[in-house]
Amino acid sequence: MALLPILHFPDPRLQKVAAPIERIDDEVRRLAADMAETMYAAPGIGLAATQVDVHRRLIVIDISEAHDQLITLINPRILGQSADTQECEEGCLSVPGIFDEVERPAQVEIEALGLDGQAFRLKAEGLLAVCVQHEMDHLEGIVFVDHLSRLKRNRIVSKLRKQQHKVL
């Protein structure tokens, strides 16, 4: 396994829409394992392939405190979502150090393939629902800051650029 570099907003590669995975093979399983290792090391609770500059429909998530409940979603799609919403503070490995409130459906039901190639359904609520929707947004080229006002987004871009100049 290997740690993968994570793209940082506003990198335009984060705006690419991910392509479906046609075949689940050793390459896909290796990518999922590398993504999980990268997510845990970051540390984070979710990572989409788009964030590591692989534009394929693959997500890894683990919201457990013990980091022992890894969920791998291949070609996920939302089957349904609740009308009621929840507002939750979100952060993102691609937008380090930035957190803000995002409103999303409180519950979602998705269908995806597992690493074994078998389709499964997942009903998610609470933090898991937020994480699933956040990561699925990445597959569509959407970063959580895209849900914020233009003013907030511009402030975040300015702040991140200042941080990058300090590093350089």
Protein backbone atom coordinates (compact mmCIF):
# COMPACT_ATOMS: atom_id res chain seq x y z
CA MET A 1 0.00 0.00 0.00
CA ALA A 2 1.05 3.59 -0.55
CA LEU A 3 0.10 7.06 0.58
CA LEU A 4 -1.32 9.10 -2.27
CA PRO A 5 -0.98 12.88 -2.73
CA ILE A 6 -4.26 14.72 -2.07
CA LEU A 7 -5.27 17.56 -4.39
CA HIS A 8 -6.00 20.87 -2.66
CA PHE A 9 -8.73 23.34 -3.53
CA PRO A 10 -8.86 25.33 -5.81
CA ASP A 11 -6.97 22.82 -8.00
CA PRO A 12 -9.09 22.55 -11.19
CA ARG A 13 -8.66 18.76 -11.25
CA LEU A 14 -11.10 18.65 -8.32
CA GLN A 15 -13.79 19.84 -10.76
CA LYS A 16 -13.51 16.80 -13.04
CA VAL A 17 -16.46 14.42 -13.14
CA ALA A 18 -15.39 10.85 -12.38
CA ALA A 19 -15.99 8.05 -14.87
CA PRO A 20 -17.70 4.79 -13.89
CA ILE A 21 -15.52 1.81 -13.06
CA GLU A 22 -16.12 -0.82 -15.71
CA ARG A 23 -14.29 -3.74 -14.09
CA ILE A 24 -13.32 -4.43 -10.50
CA ASP A 25 -9.85 -5.88 -10.69
CA ASP A 26 -6.62 -5.89 -8.67
CA GLU A 27 -5.84 -2.32 -9.80
CA VAL A 28 -9.14 -1.05 -8.37
CA ARG A 29 -8.66 -3.04 -5.16
CA ARG A 30 -5.11 -1.64 -4.80
CA LEU A 31 -6.39 1.90 -5.39
CA ALA A 32 -9.07 1.40 -2.71
CA ALA A 33 -6.46 0.11 -0.24
CA ASP A 34 -4.12 3.03 -1.01
CA MET A 35 -7.00 5.48 -0.63
CA ALA A 36 -7.94 3.98 2.74
CA GLU A 37 -4.35 4.22 3.96
CA THR A 38 -4.18 7.84 2.74
CA MET A 39 -7.50 8.71 4.42
CA TYR A 40 -6.47 7.20 7.76
CA ALA A 41 -3.05 8.89 7.66
CA ALA A 42 -4.46 12.34 6.80
CA PRO A 43 -6.51 11.79 9.13
CA GLY A 44 -9.98 11.86 7.62
CA ILE A 45 -13.25 9.94 7.51
CA GLY A 46 -13.82 9.85 3.76
CA LEU A 47 -11.90 10.11 0.51
CA ALA A 48 -13.02 10.09 -3.12
CA ALA A 49 -10.71 8.99 -5.93
CA THR A 50 -11.06 12.45 -7.48
CA GLN A 51 -9.18 13.88 -4.50
CA VAL A 52 -6.12 11.77 -5.36
CA ASP A 53 -6.33 12.72 -9.05
CA VAL A 54 -7.92 9.45 -10.15
CA HIS A 55 -11.16 10.34 -11.88
CA ARG A 56 -13.05 7.11 -11.33
CA ARG A 57 -16.17 6.53 -9.22
CA LEU A 58 -14.59 5.12 -6.05
CA ILE A 59 -15.03 6.25 -2.43
CA VAL A 60 -13.71 5.00 0.90
CA ILE A 61 -15.37 5.97 4.19
CA ASP A 62 -14.82 5.07 7.83
CA ILE A 63 -16.58 7.17 10.46
CA SER A 64 -15.78 4.78 13.32
CA GLU A 65 -13.53 5.99 16.13
CA ALA A 66 -11.51 2.76 16.00
CA HIS A 67 -11.01 3.03 12.21
CA ASP A 68 -12.22 -0.52 11.77
CA GLN A 69 -15.42 -0.11 9.72
CA LEU A 70 -14.16 0.74 6.25
CA ILE A 71 -16.87 1.11 3.60
CA THR A 72 -15.84 1.01 -0.06
CA LEU A 73 -18.31 2.38 -2.58
CA ILE A 74 -17.80 1.73 -6.29
CA ASN A 75 -20.07 3.53 -8.76
CA PRO A 76 -22.37 4.76 -5.96
CA ARG A 77 -25.70 6.33 -6.82
CA ILE A 78 -28.38 7.86 -4.65
CA LEU A 79 -31.67 5.96 -4.78
CA GLY A 80 -33.54 8.29 -2.44
CA GLN A 81 -33.14 11.00 0.14
CA SER A 82 -35.21 12.44 2.93
CA ALA A 83 -37.07 15.72 2.60
CA ASP A 84 -35.82 16.74 6.02
CA THR A 85 -32.34 18.21 6.17
CA GLN A 86 -29.55 18.62 8.66
CA GLU A 87 -26.89 21.26 8.93
CA CYS A 88 -23.48 19.90 9.79
CA GLU A 89 -20.04 21.40 10.04
CA GLU A 90 -17.96 19.92 7.25
CA GLY A 91 -14.27 19.88 6.52
CA CYS A 92 -12.36 18.28 3.68
CA LEU A 93 -8.93 16.79 3.15
CA SER A 94 -8.78 18.84 -0.07
CA VAL A 95 -9.56 22.07 1.81
CA PRO A 96 -7.27 21.72 4.83
CA GLY A 97 -8.05 23.74 7.93
CA ILE A 98 -11.39 25.04 6.62
CA PHE A 99 -14.70 24.11 8.22
CA ASP A 100 -18.19 25.45 7.60
CA GLU A 101 -21.86 24.54 7.92
CA VAL A 102 -23.48 22.75 4.97
CA GLU A 103 -27.13 21.75 4.76
CA ARG A 104 -27.85 18.33 3.26
CA PRO A 105 -30.64 15.73 3.33
CA ALA A 106 -30.67 14.03 6.74
CA GLN A 107 -30.96 10.53 5.27
CA VAL A 108 -29.95 8.94 1.99
CA GLU A 109 -30.21 5.51 0.48
CA ILE A 110 -27.53 4.55 -2.00
CA GLU A 111 -26.64 1.60 -4.16
CA ALA A 112 -23.03 0.76 -4.93
CA LEU A 113 -20.72 -2.11 -5.76
CA GLY A 114 -18.32 -3.55 -3.21
CA LEU A 115 -14.79 -4.72 -3.90
CA ASP A 116 -16.25 -8.18 -4.56
CA GLY A 117 -18.28 -6.76 -7.45
CA GLN A 118 -21.58 -7.35 -5.67
CA ALA A 119 -24.21 -4.62 -5.55
CA PHE A 120 -25.45 -3.53 -2.14
CA ARG A 121 -27.68 -0.86 -0.67
CA LEU A 122 -26.81 1.39 2.22
CA LYS A 123 -29.20 3.53 4.24
CA ALA A 124 -27.29 6.33 5.90
CA GLU A 125 -28.23 9.01 8.40
CA GLY A 126 -26.35 11.42 10.64
CA LEU A 127 -22.62 11.71 10.05
CA LEU A 128 -22.57 8.78 7.62
CA ALA A 129 -25.21 10.47 5.43
CA VAL A 130 -23.20 13.70 5.43
CA CYS A 131 -19.98 11.87 4.57
CA VAL A 132 -21.57 9.81 1.75
CA GLN A 133 -23.07 12.93 0.15
CA HIS A 134 -19.85 14.92 0.60
CA GLU A 135 -17.75 12.24 -1.08
CA MET A 136 -20.30 11.64 -3.84
CA ASP A 137 -20.14 15.38 -4.58
CA HIS A 138 -16.41 14.95 -5.26
CA LEU A 139 -17.24 12.40 -7.96
CA GLU A 140 -19.31 15.12 -9.65
CA GLY A 141 -16.52 17.70 -9.40
CA ILE A 142 -18.09 19.50 -6.44
CA VAL A 143 -16.16 20.51 -3.32
CA PHE A 144 -18.07 21.32 -0.12
CA VAL A 145 -17.15 25.00 -0.40
CA ASP A 146 -19.22 25.09 -3.60
CA HIS A 147 -22.26 24.84 -1.29
CA LEU A 148 -21.26 28.08 0.46
CA SER A 149 -21.95 31.66 -0.58
CA ARG A 150 -19.66 33.25 -3.16
CA LEU A 151 -18.32 35.61 -0.46
CA LYS A 152 -17.37 32.74 1.87
CA ARG A 153 -15.83 30.77 -1.03
CA ASN A 154 -13.74 33.77 -2.11
CA ARG A 155 -12.52 34.29 1.46
CA ILE A 156 -11.52 30.63 1.65
CA VAL A 157 -9.62 30.83 -1.65
CA SER A 158 -7.78 33.94 -0.40
CA LYS A 159 -6.94 32.28 2.91
CA LEU A 160 -5.64 29.12 1.21
CA ARG A 161 -3.52 31.12 -1.26
CA LYS A 162 -1.95 33.05 1.64
CA GLN A 163 -1.18 29.76 3.39
CA GLN A 164 0.43 28.39 0.20
CA HIS A 165 2.63 31.49 -0.16
CA LYS A 166 3.84 31.09 3.44
CA VAL A 167 4.85 27.50 2.68
CA LEU A 168 6.73 28.51 -0.47
